[in-house]
Amino acid sequence: MRIARTARFKKAWKELSEDEKELARKAITNLTKDMRYPALRVKKMQGVKGIWEARASRSLRITFQIVGDLIILRNIGQHDETLGRP
């Protein structure tokens, strides 16, 4: 699958630590290869249509949409903060 990033995702990415970025890179790689990769725990978000969430770590979340063969990365950051603004 292909990847696209929203402006919000790009801005949030800049605020991550280097360790968080490394975890996120691994998660995004796994996401493009197999969305069912167990560590990602991918699931549809409640209350918002067409937006999914994945884990990069215990506290780091990625929100995204799927359009055909394109994964649009919407936001990334700490659990509550990111899921509150998918």
C-alpha atoms as a PDB file:
ATOM      1  CA  MET A   1       0.000   0.000   0.000  1.00  0.00           C
ATOM      2  CA  ARG A   2       1.020   3.581  -0.555  1.00  0.00           C
ATOM      3  CA  ILE A   3       1.293   6.229   2.178  1.00  0.00           C
ATOM      4  CA  ALA A   4       0.215   9.875   2.265  1.00  0.00           C
ATOM      5  CA  ARG A   5       0.577  12.268   5.201  1.00  0.00           C
ATOM      6  CA  THR A   6      -1.716  15.117   6.185  1.00  0.00           C
ATOM      7  CA  ALA A   7      -0.364  18.483   7.304  1.00  0.00           C
ATOM      8  CA  ARG A   8      -1.488  17.639  10.853  1.00  0.00           C
ATOM      9  CA  PHE A   9       0.493  14.386  10.766  1.00  0.00           C
ATOM     10  CA  LYS A  10       3.617  16.172   9.500  1.00  0.00           C
ATOM     11  CA  LYS A  11       3.358  18.781  12.247  1.00  0.00           C
ATOM     12  CA  ALA A  12       2.818  16.150  14.962  1.00  0.00           C
ATOM     13  CA  TRP A  13       5.754  14.098  13.601  1.00  0.00           C
ATOM     14  CA  LYS A  14       8.129  17.008  14.220  1.00  0.00           C
ATOM     15  CA  GLU A  15       7.152  17.017  17.905  1.00  0.00           C
ATOM     16  CA  LEU A  16       8.068  13.356  18.454  1.00  0.00           C
ATOM     17  CA  SER A  17      11.313  12.280  20.099  1.00  0.00           C
ATOM     18  CA  GLU A  18      13.804  10.274  18.037  1.00  0.00           C
ATOM     19  CA  ASP A  19      12.826   7.106  19.932  1.00  0.00           C
ATOM     20  CA  GLU A  20       9.140   7.715  19.155  1.00  0.00           C
ATOM     21  CA  LYS A  21       9.952   8.324  15.499  1.00  0.00           C
ATOM     22  CA  GLU A  22      11.800   5.015  15.309  1.00  0.00           C
ATOM     23  CA  LEU A  23       8.827   3.173  16.850  1.00  0.00           C
ATOM     24  CA  ALA A  24       6.476   4.977  14.463  1.00  0.00           C
ATOM     25  CA  ARG A  25       8.600   4.086  11.421  1.00  0.00           C
ATOM     26  CA  LYS A  26       8.407   0.405  12.355  1.00  0.00           C
ATOM     27  CA  ALA A  27       4.652   0.625  12.919  1.00  0.00           C
ATOM     28  CA  ILE A  28       4.068   2.387   9.586  1.00  0.00           C
ATOM     29  CA  THR A  29       6.193  -0.198   7.776  1.00  0.00           C
ATOM     30  CA  ASN A  30       4.178  -3.000   9.366  1.00  0.00           C
ATOM     31  CA  LEU A  31       0.943  -1.176   8.572  1.00  0.00           C
ATOM     32  CA  THR A  32       1.782  -1.017   4.863  1.00  0.00           C
ATOM     33  CA  LYS A  33       2.734  -4.705   4.771  1.00  0.00           C
ATOM     34  CA  ASP A  34      -0.042  -6.198   6.913  1.00  0.00           C
ATOM     35  CA  MET A  35      -2.695  -4.201   8.764  1.00  0.00           C
ATOM     36  CA  ARG A  36      -3.413  -7.296  10.871  1.00  0.00           C
ATOM     37  CA  TYR A  37       0.106  -7.335  12.305  1.00  0.00           C
ATOM     38  CA  PRO A  38      -0.666  -8.174  15.975  1.00  0.00           C
ATOM     39  CA  ALA A  39       1.419  -5.465  17.680  1.00  0.00           C
ATOM     40  CA  LEU A  40      -0.427  -2.717  15.775  1.00  0.00           C
ATOM     41  CA  ARG A  41      -3.823  -3.639  17.222  1.00  0.00           C
ATOM     42  CA  VAL A  42      -5.529  -1.843  14.344  1.00  0.00           C
ATOM     43  CA  LYS A  43      -9.188  -1.025  14.896  1.00  0.00           C
ATOM     44  CA  LYS A  44     -11.851   1.351  13.658  1.00  0.00           C
ATOM     45  CA  MET A  45     -12.303   4.400  15.846  1.00  0.00           C
ATOM     46  CA  GLN A  46     -15.593   4.801  17.670  1.00  0.00           C
ATOM     47  CA  GLY A  47     -17.695   7.821  16.783  1.00  0.00           C
ATOM     48  CA  VAL A  48     -15.836   8.837  13.602  1.00  0.00           C
ATOM     49  CA  LYS A  49     -16.597   7.282  10.256  1.00  0.00           C
ATOM     50  CA  GLY A  50     -13.774   5.832   8.197  1.00  0.00           C
ATOM     51  CA  ILE A  51     -10.901   6.576  10.596  1.00  0.00           C
ATOM     52  CA  TRP A  52      -8.734   3.837  12.059  1.00  0.00           C
ATOM     53  CA  GLU A  53      -6.148   3.759  14.831  1.00  0.00           C
ATOM     54  CA  ALA A  54      -2.958   1.749  15.294  1.00  0.00           C
ATOM     55  CA  ARG A  55      -0.418   1.401  18.103  1.00  0.00           C
ATOM     56  CA  ALA A  56       3.203   2.361  17.630  1.00  0.00           C
ATOM     57  CA  SER A  57       3.869   1.712  21.344  1.00  0.00           C
ATOM     58  CA  ARG A  58       1.933   1.431  24.586  1.00  0.00           C
ATOM     59  CA  SER A  59       1.175   5.149  24.544  1.00  0.00           C
ATOM     60  CA  LEU A  60       1.877   6.267  20.955  1.00  0.00           C
ATOM     61  CA  ARG A  61      -1.039   6.130  18.495  1.00  0.00           C
ATOM     62  CA  ILE A  62      -1.409   6.719  14.782  1.00  0.00           C
ATOM     63  CA  THR A  63      -4.734   7.598  13.162  1.00  0.00           C
ATOM     64  CA  PHE A  64      -5.341   6.974   9.479  1.00  0.00           C
ATOM     65  CA  GLN A  65      -7.844   6.505   6.674  1.00  0.00           C
ATOM     66  CA  ILE A  66      -7.826   3.967   3.875  1.00  0.00           C
ATOM     67  CA  VAL A  67      -8.752   5.064   0.368  1.00  0.00           C
ATOM     68  CA  GLY A  68      -8.245   2.269  -2.148  1.00  0.00           C
ATOM     69  CA  ASP A  69      -4.595   1.243  -1.880  1.00  0.00           C
ATOM     70  CA  LEU A  70      -3.655   4.488  -0.091  1.00  0.00           C
ATOM     71  CA  ILE A  71      -3.176   4.856   3.668  1.00  0.00           C
ATOM     72  CA  ILE A  72      -3.599   8.494   4.678  1.00  0.00           C
ATOM     73  CA  LEU A  73      -1.785   9.135   7.961  1.00  0.00           C
ATOM     74  CA  ARG A  74      -3.860  11.736   9.839  1.00  0.00           C
ATOM     75  CA  ASN A  75      -2.297  12.188  13.276  1.00  0.00           C
ATOM     76  CA  ILE A  76       0.312  10.732  15.605  1.00  0.00           C
ATOM     77  CA  GLY A  77       1.081  11.252  19.271  1.00  0.00           C
ATOM     78  CA  GLN A  78       0.162  10.267  22.804  1.00  0.00           C
ATOM     79  CA  HIS A  79      -2.969   8.125  23.178  1.00  0.00           C
ATOM     80  CA  ASP A  80      -5.604  10.513  24.573  1.00  0.00           C
ATOM     81  CA  GLU A  81      -4.362  13.581  22.742  1.00  0.00           C
ATOM     82  CA  THR A  82      -4.211  11.862  19.350  1.00  0.00           C
ATOM     83  CA  LEU A  83      -7.462   9.951  19.599  1.00  0.00           C
ATOM     84  CA  GLY A  84      -9.210  13.146  20.682  1.00  0.00           C
ATOM     85  CA  ARG A  85      -8.166  14.783  17.377  1.00  0.00           C
ATOM     86  CA  PRO A  86      -8.068  11.964  14.825  1.00  0.00           C
END
